[in-house]
N, C-alpha and C. Protein backbone atom coordinates (compact mmCIF):
# COMPACT_ATOMS: atom_id res chain seq x y z
N LYS A 1 -15.41 24.14 11.58
CA LYS A 1 -14.26 23.13 11.28
C LYS A 1 -13.08 23.97 10.93
N ALA A 2 -12.19 23.85 11.75
CA ALA A 2 -10.99 24.60 11.66
C ALA A 2 -10.04 23.86 10.50
N PRO A 3 -9.39 24.60 9.50
CA PRO A 3 -8.62 24.01 8.51
C PRO A 3 -7.59 23.12 8.94
N ALA A 4 -6.82 23.52 10.06
CA ALA A 4 -5.85 22.77 10.66
C ALA A 4 -6.27 21.41 11.29
N ALA A 5 -7.40 21.56 11.79
CA ALA A 5 -7.98 20.29 12.46
C ALA A 5 -8.40 19.30 11.31
N VAL A 6 -9.00 19.75 10.18
CA VAL A 6 -9.36 18.96 9.13
C VAL A 6 -8.18 18.32 8.47
N ALA A 7 -7.10 19.12 8.36
CA ALA A 7 -5.98 18.74 7.63
C ALA A 7 -5.23 17.62 8.60
N ALA A 8 -5.34 17.70 9.85
CA ALA A 8 -4.79 16.82 10.76
C ALA A 8 -5.47 15.33 10.73
N LEU A 9 -6.82 15.56 10.67
CA LEU A 9 -7.55 14.34 10.55
C LEU A 9 -7.41 13.63 9.15
N VAL A 10 -7.32 14.47 8.14
CA VAL A 10 -6.98 13.71 6.81
C VAL A 10 -5.70 13.09 6.93
N GLY A 11 -4.72 13.71 7.71
CA GLY A 11 -3.39 13.12 7.82
C GLY A 11 -3.32 11.85 8.31
N PHE A 12 -4.11 11.68 9.51
CA PHE A 12 -4.34 10.34 9.99
C PHE A 12 -4.88 9.41 9.13
N LEU A 13 -5.81 9.73 8.27
CA LEU A 13 -6.54 8.86 7.33
C LEU A 13 -5.56 8.32 6.31
N THR A 14 -4.52 9.17 5.99
CA THR A 14 -3.66 8.80 4.85
C THR A 14 -2.23 8.33 5.35
N ALA A 15 -2.27 7.98 6.69
CA ALA A 15 -0.97 7.46 7.30
C ALA A 15 -0.78 6.08 6.74
N PRO A 16 0.50 5.74 6.38
CA PRO A 16 0.85 4.34 5.90
C PRO A 16 0.48 3.31 6.95
N ALA A 17 -0.05 2.17 6.51
CA ALA A 17 -0.35 1.09 7.30
C ALA A 17 0.95 0.66 8.05
N GLY A 18 0.68 0.46 9.40
CA GLY A 18 1.89 0.01 10.16
C GLY A 18 2.55 1.20 10.80
N SER A 19 2.26 2.34 10.51
CA SER A 19 2.93 3.47 10.94
C SER A 19 2.26 3.85 12.39
N PRO A 20 2.93 4.60 13.27
CA PRO A 20 2.24 4.86 14.50
C PRO A 20 0.93 5.70 14.26
N ARG A 21 0.92 6.58 13.32
CA ARG A 21 -0.40 7.32 13.02
C ARG A 21 -1.45 6.39 12.60
N ALA A 22 -1.21 5.25 12.03
CA ALA A 22 -2.20 4.41 11.55
C ALA A 22 -3.00 3.79 12.56
N GLN A 23 -2.46 3.85 13.86
CA GLN A 23 -3.25 3.46 15.00
C GLN A 23 -4.34 4.27 15.37
N CYS A 24 -4.35 5.35 14.73
CA CYS A 24 -5.66 6.24 14.79
C CYS A 24 -6.68 6.16 13.77
N TYR A 25 -6.53 5.20 12.94
CA TYR A 25 -7.65 5.05 11.83
C TYR A 25 -8.90 5.09 12.39
N LEU A 26 -9.18 4.28 13.28
CA LEU A 26 -10.75 4.18 13.93
C LEU A 26 -11.28 5.45 14.44
N PRO A 27 -10.47 6.15 15.36
CA PRO A 27 -10.96 7.38 15.86
C PRO A 27 -11.13 8.50 14.79
N ALA A 28 -10.28 8.43 13.91
CA ALA A 28 -10.22 9.32 12.72
C ALA A 28 -11.42 9.21 11.78
N ILE A 29 -11.69 7.96 11.59
CA ILE A 29 -12.89 7.60 10.79
C ILE A 29 -14.18 8.07 11.58
N SER A 30 -14.30 7.63 12.88
CA SER A 30 -15.46 8.13 13.63
C SER A 30 -15.69 9.55 13.57
N ALA A 31 -14.55 10.37 13.91
CA ALA A 31 -14.54 11.88 13.94
C ALA A 31 -14.97 12.36 12.56
N ALA A 32 -14.45 11.84 11.49
CA ALA A 32 -14.84 12.35 10.13
C ALA A 32 -16.23 12.18 9.89
N GLY A 33 -16.95 10.94 10.24
CA GLY A 33 -18.36 10.84 10.14
C GLY A 33 -19.15 11.75 11.06
N GLN A 34 -18.79 11.83 12.29
CA GLN A 34 -19.55 12.64 13.20
C GLN A 34 -19.49 14.13 12.82
N LEU A 35 -18.36 14.56 12.18
CA LEU A 35 -18.23 15.95 11.69
C LEU A 35 -18.82 16.11 10.25
N ARG A 36 -19.04 15.02 9.54
CA ARG A 36 -19.48 15.07 8.21
C ARG A 36 -18.60 15.73 7.35
N LEU A 37 -17.30 15.35 7.43
CA LEU A 37 -16.31 15.91 6.66
C LEU A 37 -16.10 15.41 5.41
N ARG A 38 -16.61 16.05 4.33
CA ARG A 38 -16.41 15.63 2.90
C ARG A 38 -14.98 15.63 2.40
N GLU A 39 -14.16 16.42 3.13
CA GLU A 39 -12.84 16.40 2.76
C GLU A 39 -12.16 15.04 3.14
N ALA A 40 -12.69 14.22 4.10
CA ALA A 40 -12.10 12.93 4.46
C ALA A 40 -12.63 11.87 3.52
N VAL A 41 -13.58 12.12 2.56
CA VAL A 41 -14.03 10.89 1.82
C VAL A 41 -12.97 10.28 0.91
N PRO A 42 -12.30 11.17 0.16
CA PRO A 42 -11.23 10.47 -0.69
C PRO A 42 -10.33 9.59 0.10
N PRO A 43 -9.60 10.02 1.10
CA PRO A 43 -8.79 9.10 1.73
C PRO A 43 -9.43 7.91 2.55
N MET A 44 -10.74 8.12 2.82
CA MET A 44 -11.44 7.01 3.47
C MET A 44 -11.73 6.03 2.42
N LEU A 45 -12.04 6.48 1.13
CA LEU A 45 -12.24 5.44 0.19
C LEU A 45 -10.99 4.70 -0.17
N THR A 46 -9.92 5.31 -0.27
CA THR A 46 -8.67 4.66 -0.40
C THR A 46 -8.26 3.57 0.65
N LEU A 47 -8.61 4.08 1.83
CA LEU A 47 -8.42 3.10 3.08
C LEU A 47 -9.31 1.93 3.07
N LEU A 48 -10.63 2.35 2.65
CA LEU A 48 -11.56 1.18 2.64
C LEU A 48 -11.17 0.10 1.63
N ASP A 49 -10.75 0.50 0.42
CA ASP A 49 -10.31 -0.39 -0.46
C ASP A 49 -9.13 -1.08 -0.03
N ALA A 50 -8.08 -0.58 0.53
CA ALA A 50 -6.97 -1.29 1.01
C ALA A 50 -7.31 -2.18 2.08
N HIS A 51 -8.18 -1.94 3.04
CA HIS A 51 -8.64 -2.79 4.08
C HIS A 51 -9.62 -3.85 3.56
N ARG A 52 -10.28 -3.75 2.49
CA ARG A 52 -10.96 -4.80 1.91
C ARG A 52 -10.15 -6.10 1.54
N GLN A 53 -9.07 -5.74 0.98
CA GLN A 53 -7.95 -6.71 0.71
C GLN A 53 -7.33 -7.21 2.01
N ARG A 54 -7.25 -6.47 2.96
CA ARG A 54 -6.77 -7.21 4.23
C ARG A 54 -7.79 -7.76 5.20
N ASP A 55 -9.10 -7.78 4.72
CA ASP A 55 -10.29 -8.35 5.42
C ASP A 55 -10.39 -7.77 6.88
N ASP A 56 -10.17 -6.48 6.99
CA ASP A 56 -10.40 -5.86 8.36
C ASP A 56 -11.93 -5.38 8.47
N GLU A 57 -12.73 -6.33 9.01
CA GLU A 57 -14.13 -6.00 9.05
C GLU A 57 -14.44 -4.88 10.09
N ARG A 58 -13.75 -4.76 11.07
CA ARG A 58 -14.07 -3.74 12.04
C ARG A 58 -13.91 -2.40 11.53
N LEU A 59 -12.73 -2.14 10.86
CA LEU A 59 -12.35 -0.91 10.08
C LEU A 59 -13.45 -0.66 9.09
N ARG A 60 -13.74 -1.58 8.22
CA ARG A 60 -14.65 -1.41 7.10
C ARG A 60 -15.91 -1.07 7.64
N GLY A 61 -16.42 -1.77 8.61
CA GLY A 61 -17.85 -1.47 9.23
C GLY A 61 -17.91 -0.13 9.71
N GLN A 62 -16.80 0.40 10.39
CA GLN A 62 -16.88 1.82 10.86
C GLN A 62 -16.75 2.69 9.69
N MET A 63 -16.11 2.40 8.57
CA MET A 63 -16.00 3.31 7.51
C MET A 63 -17.33 3.41 6.75
N VAL A 64 -18.10 2.26 6.66
CA VAL A 64 -19.47 2.28 6.05
C VAL A 64 -20.33 3.13 6.88
N ASP A 65 -20.22 3.22 8.19
CA ASP A 65 -21.06 3.92 9.00
C ASP A 65 -20.70 5.50 8.93
N ALA A 66 -19.56 5.76 8.79
CA ALA A 66 -19.01 7.15 8.66
C ALA A 66 -19.33 7.81 7.29
N LEU A 67 -19.13 6.81 6.19
CA LEU A 67 -19.57 7.46 4.82
C LEU A 67 -21.01 7.71 4.68
N GLY A 68 -21.81 6.85 5.48
CA GLY A 68 -23.14 7.13 5.32
C GLY A 68 -23.62 8.49 6.09
N ARG A 69 -22.90 8.62 7.28
CA ARG A 69 -23.21 9.88 7.89
C ARG A 69 -22.75 11.14 7.11
N ILE A 70 -21.48 11.07 6.40
CA ILE A 70 -21.10 12.12 5.60
C ILE A 70 -22.05 12.50 4.30
N GLY A 71 -22.48 11.27 3.72
CA GLY A 71 -23.56 11.45 2.74
C GLY A 71 -22.96 11.92 1.30
N ASP A 72 -21.79 11.78 1.11
CA ASP A 72 -21.22 12.14 -0.20
C ASP A 72 -21.56 11.00 -1.37
N ALA A 73 -21.93 11.47 -2.41
CA ALA A 73 -22.38 10.51 -3.44
C ALA A 73 -21.07 9.98 -4.05
N SER A 74 -19.87 10.35 -3.94
CA SER A 74 -18.77 9.75 -4.49
C SER A 74 -18.49 8.45 -3.81
N ALA A 75 -19.03 8.22 -2.67
CA ALA A 75 -18.91 6.87 -1.96
C ALA A 75 -19.71 5.83 -2.47
N LEU A 76 -20.73 6.13 -3.28
CA LEU A 76 -21.66 5.26 -3.79
C LEU A 76 -21.02 4.02 -4.42
N PRO A 77 -20.16 4.08 -5.38
CA PRO A 77 -19.48 2.88 -5.94
C PRO A 77 -18.71 2.01 -4.93
N ALA A 78 -18.00 2.54 -3.99
CA ALA A 78 -17.31 1.80 -3.04
C ALA A 78 -18.33 1.04 -2.12
N LEU A 79 -19.47 1.80 -1.83
CA LEU A 79 -20.40 1.08 -0.76
C LEU A 79 -21.14 -0.05 -1.65
N ILE A 80 -21.24 0.14 -2.81
CA ILE A 80 -21.91 -1.01 -3.65
C ILE A 80 -20.87 -2.13 -3.70
N ARG A 81 -19.55 -1.74 -3.89
CA ARG A 81 -18.64 -2.97 -3.89
C ARG A 81 -18.54 -3.64 -2.46
N GLU A 82 -18.86 -2.88 -1.55
CA GLU A 82 -18.99 -3.57 -0.04
C GLU A 82 -20.09 -4.46 0.08
N LEU A 83 -21.12 -4.24 -0.75
CA LEU A 83 -22.20 -5.12 -0.74
C LEU A 83 -21.86 -6.56 -1.37
N GLN A 84 -20.74 -6.56 -2.20
CA GLN A 84 -20.43 -7.86 -2.68
C GLN A 84 -19.16 -8.49 -1.85
N THR A 85 -18.94 -7.87 -0.97
CA THR A 85 -17.71 -8.47 0.05
C THR A 85 -18.54 -9.35 0.99
N THR A 86 -17.94 -10.30 1.31
CA THR A 86 -18.39 -11.36 2.37
C THR A 86 -17.75 -10.94 3.73
N TYR A 87 -18.53 -11.16 4.71
CA TYR A 87 -18.17 -10.87 6.18
C TYR A 87 -18.34 -12.02 6.99
N SER A 88 -17.69 -11.99 8.17
CA SER A 88 -17.85 -13.16 8.96
C SER A 88 -19.38 -13.12 9.62
N THR A 89 -19.88 -14.12 10.15
CA THR A 89 -21.20 -14.14 10.66
C THR A 89 -21.51 -13.22 11.86
N VAL A 90 -20.29 -12.85 12.53
CA VAL A 90 -20.40 -11.95 13.71
C VAL A 90 -20.81 -10.61 13.15
N GLU A 91 -20.15 -10.17 12.05
CA GLU A 91 -20.19 -8.71 11.64
C GLU A 91 -21.29 -8.74 10.58
N VAL A 92 -21.70 -9.59 9.76
CA VAL A 92 -22.55 -9.57 8.55
C VAL A 92 -23.86 -8.74 8.84
N TYR A 93 -24.50 -8.86 9.91
CA TYR A 93 -25.75 -8.32 10.05
C TYR A 93 -25.61 -6.86 10.51
N ARG A 94 -24.69 -6.53 11.12
CA ARG A 94 -24.36 -5.22 11.48
C ARG A 94 -23.76 -4.41 10.26
N ILE A 95 -22.95 -5.00 9.45
CA ILE A 95 -22.47 -4.30 8.27
C ILE A 95 -23.62 -4.08 7.13
N GLU A 96 -24.40 -5.16 7.11
CA GLU A 96 -25.59 -4.93 5.97
C GLU A 96 -26.53 -3.95 6.46
N GLY A 97 -26.71 -3.89 7.79
CA GLY A 97 -27.60 -2.69 8.28
C GLY A 97 -26.95 -1.42 7.96
N ALA A 98 -25.81 -1.37 8.19
CA ALA A 98 -24.88 -0.04 8.01
C ALA A 98 -24.91 0.28 6.54
N LEU A 99 -24.67 -0.61 5.72
CA LEU A 99 -24.77 -0.27 4.17
C LEU A 99 -26.09 0.08 3.78
N ASP A 100 -27.26 -0.55 4.18
CA ASP A 100 -28.41 -0.05 3.79
C ASP A 100 -28.67 1.38 4.37
N ALA A 101 -28.30 1.73 5.46
CA ALA A 101 -28.52 3.18 6.06
C ALA A 101 -27.54 4.09 5.23
N ALA A 102 -26.43 3.76 5.01
CA ALA A 102 -25.51 4.57 4.30
C ALA A 102 -25.97 4.86 2.83
N LEU A 103 -26.42 3.84 2.11
CA LEU A 103 -26.90 3.89 0.73
C LEU A 103 -28.27 4.68 0.67
N ARG A 104 -29.11 4.51 1.70
CA ARG A 104 -30.28 5.23 1.83
C ARG A 104 -29.99 6.76 1.99
N ALA A 105 -28.93 7.02 2.83
CA ALA A 105 -28.63 8.47 3.22
C ALA A 105 -28.03 9.17 1.93
N ILE A 106 -27.25 8.39 1.08
CA ILE A 106 -26.61 9.09 -0.01
C ILE A 106 -27.60 9.18 -1.10
N THR A 107 -28.39 8.19 -1.31
CA THR A 107 -29.23 8.17 -2.63
C THR A 107 -30.61 8.83 -2.36
N GLY A 108 -31.07 8.80 -1.08
CA GLY A 108 -32.26 9.27 -0.86
C GLY A 108 -33.48 8.25 -1.13
N VAL A 109 -33.10 7.02 -1.43
CA VAL A 109 -33.93 5.90 -2.02
C VAL A 109 -34.29 5.13 -0.55
N GLN A 110 -35.53 5.04 -0.24
CA GLN A 110 -35.97 4.38 0.94
C GLN A 110 -36.61 3.02 0.78
N GLN A 111 -36.94 2.68 -0.38
CA GLN A 111 -37.81 1.44 -0.58
C GLN A 111 -36.84 0.25 -1.00
N VAL A 112 -35.57 0.52 -1.08
CA VAL A 112 -34.65 -0.67 -1.42
C VAL A 112 -34.13 -1.13 -0.28
N ILE A 113 -34.04 -2.49 -0.01
CA ILE A 113 -33.49 -3.13 1.22
C ILE A 113 -32.70 -4.38 0.94
N GLY A 114 -31.50 -4.37 1.38
CA GLY A 114 -30.72 -5.64 1.20
C GLY A 114 -29.84 -5.57 0.10
N ARG A 115 -28.93 -6.51 0.21
CA ARG A 115 -27.78 -6.72 -0.90
C ARG A 115 -28.28 -6.82 -2.25
N GLN A 116 -29.19 -7.70 -2.54
CA GLN A 116 -29.56 -8.04 -3.99
C GLN A 116 -30.43 -6.92 -4.46
N GLU A 117 -31.28 -6.23 -3.68
CA GLU A 117 -32.11 -5.20 -4.23
C GLU A 117 -31.22 -3.97 -4.42
N TRP A 118 -30.20 -3.72 -3.64
CA TRP A 118 -29.27 -2.55 -3.90
C TRP A 118 -28.43 -2.83 -5.13
N LEU A 119 -28.06 -4.03 -5.32
CA LEU A 119 -27.22 -4.23 -6.57
C LEU A 119 -28.08 -4.17 -7.81
N ALA A 120 -29.40 -4.71 -7.66
CA ALA A 120 -30.29 -4.47 -8.90
C ALA A 120 -30.55 -2.99 -9.10
N TRP A 121 -30.82 -2.27 -8.08
CA TRP A 121 -30.99 -0.79 -8.20
C TRP A 121 -29.84 -0.12 -8.92
N TYR A 122 -28.62 -0.46 -8.47
CA TYR A 122 -27.41 0.17 -8.93
C TYR A 122 -27.41 -0.06 -10.31
N GLN A 123 -27.58 -1.33 -10.82
CA GLN A 123 -27.39 -1.75 -12.17
C GLN A 123 -28.45 -0.83 -13.13
N GLN A 124 -29.42 -0.44 -12.59
CA GLN A 124 -30.40 0.23 -13.31
C GLN A 124 -29.96 1.86 -13.43
N GLN A 125 -29.06 2.33 -12.60
CA GLN A 125 -28.68 3.66 -12.68
C GLN A 125 -27.68 4.04 -13.82
N PRO A 126 -27.99 5.18 -14.38
CA PRO A 126 -26.94 5.74 -15.43
C PRO A 126 -25.72 5.81 -14.87
N LYS A 127 -24.66 5.40 -15.63
CA LYS A 127 -23.27 5.57 -15.32
C LYS A 127 -22.62 6.68 -15.97
N PRO A 128 -21.75 7.53 -15.17
CA PRO A 128 -21.14 8.71 -15.75
C PRO A 128 -20.32 8.10 -17.03
N GLN A 129 -20.22 9.03 -17.98
CA GLN A 129 -19.49 8.70 -19.35
C GLN A 129 -18.04 9.03 -18.99
């Protein structure tokens, strides 16, 4: 992973919405996931939160997939918040499957399945002070 390439990829993820570089969000998210770039996680989490408010399901779904591939535990709270977000009927099954896979990859927990079980599991986990 060349430092200049990582910096460029992170630059696309931090581009302001509406800017020409923002048109590259989806390919940048996909590349970050495929390359398992932990450096991309902080801007991806910021982007995920911003697009939750804009209700951009396609971007959020791809973000969940990428964060699961990267496997960084710092994404866990954001993924749990995604469990509490509603989706259209077109996207709900794909996103819920992606959330299950991402949470399993990050936590190593295999026996928990579905929104309610993950929320209950997360409530039982010790929280950082």
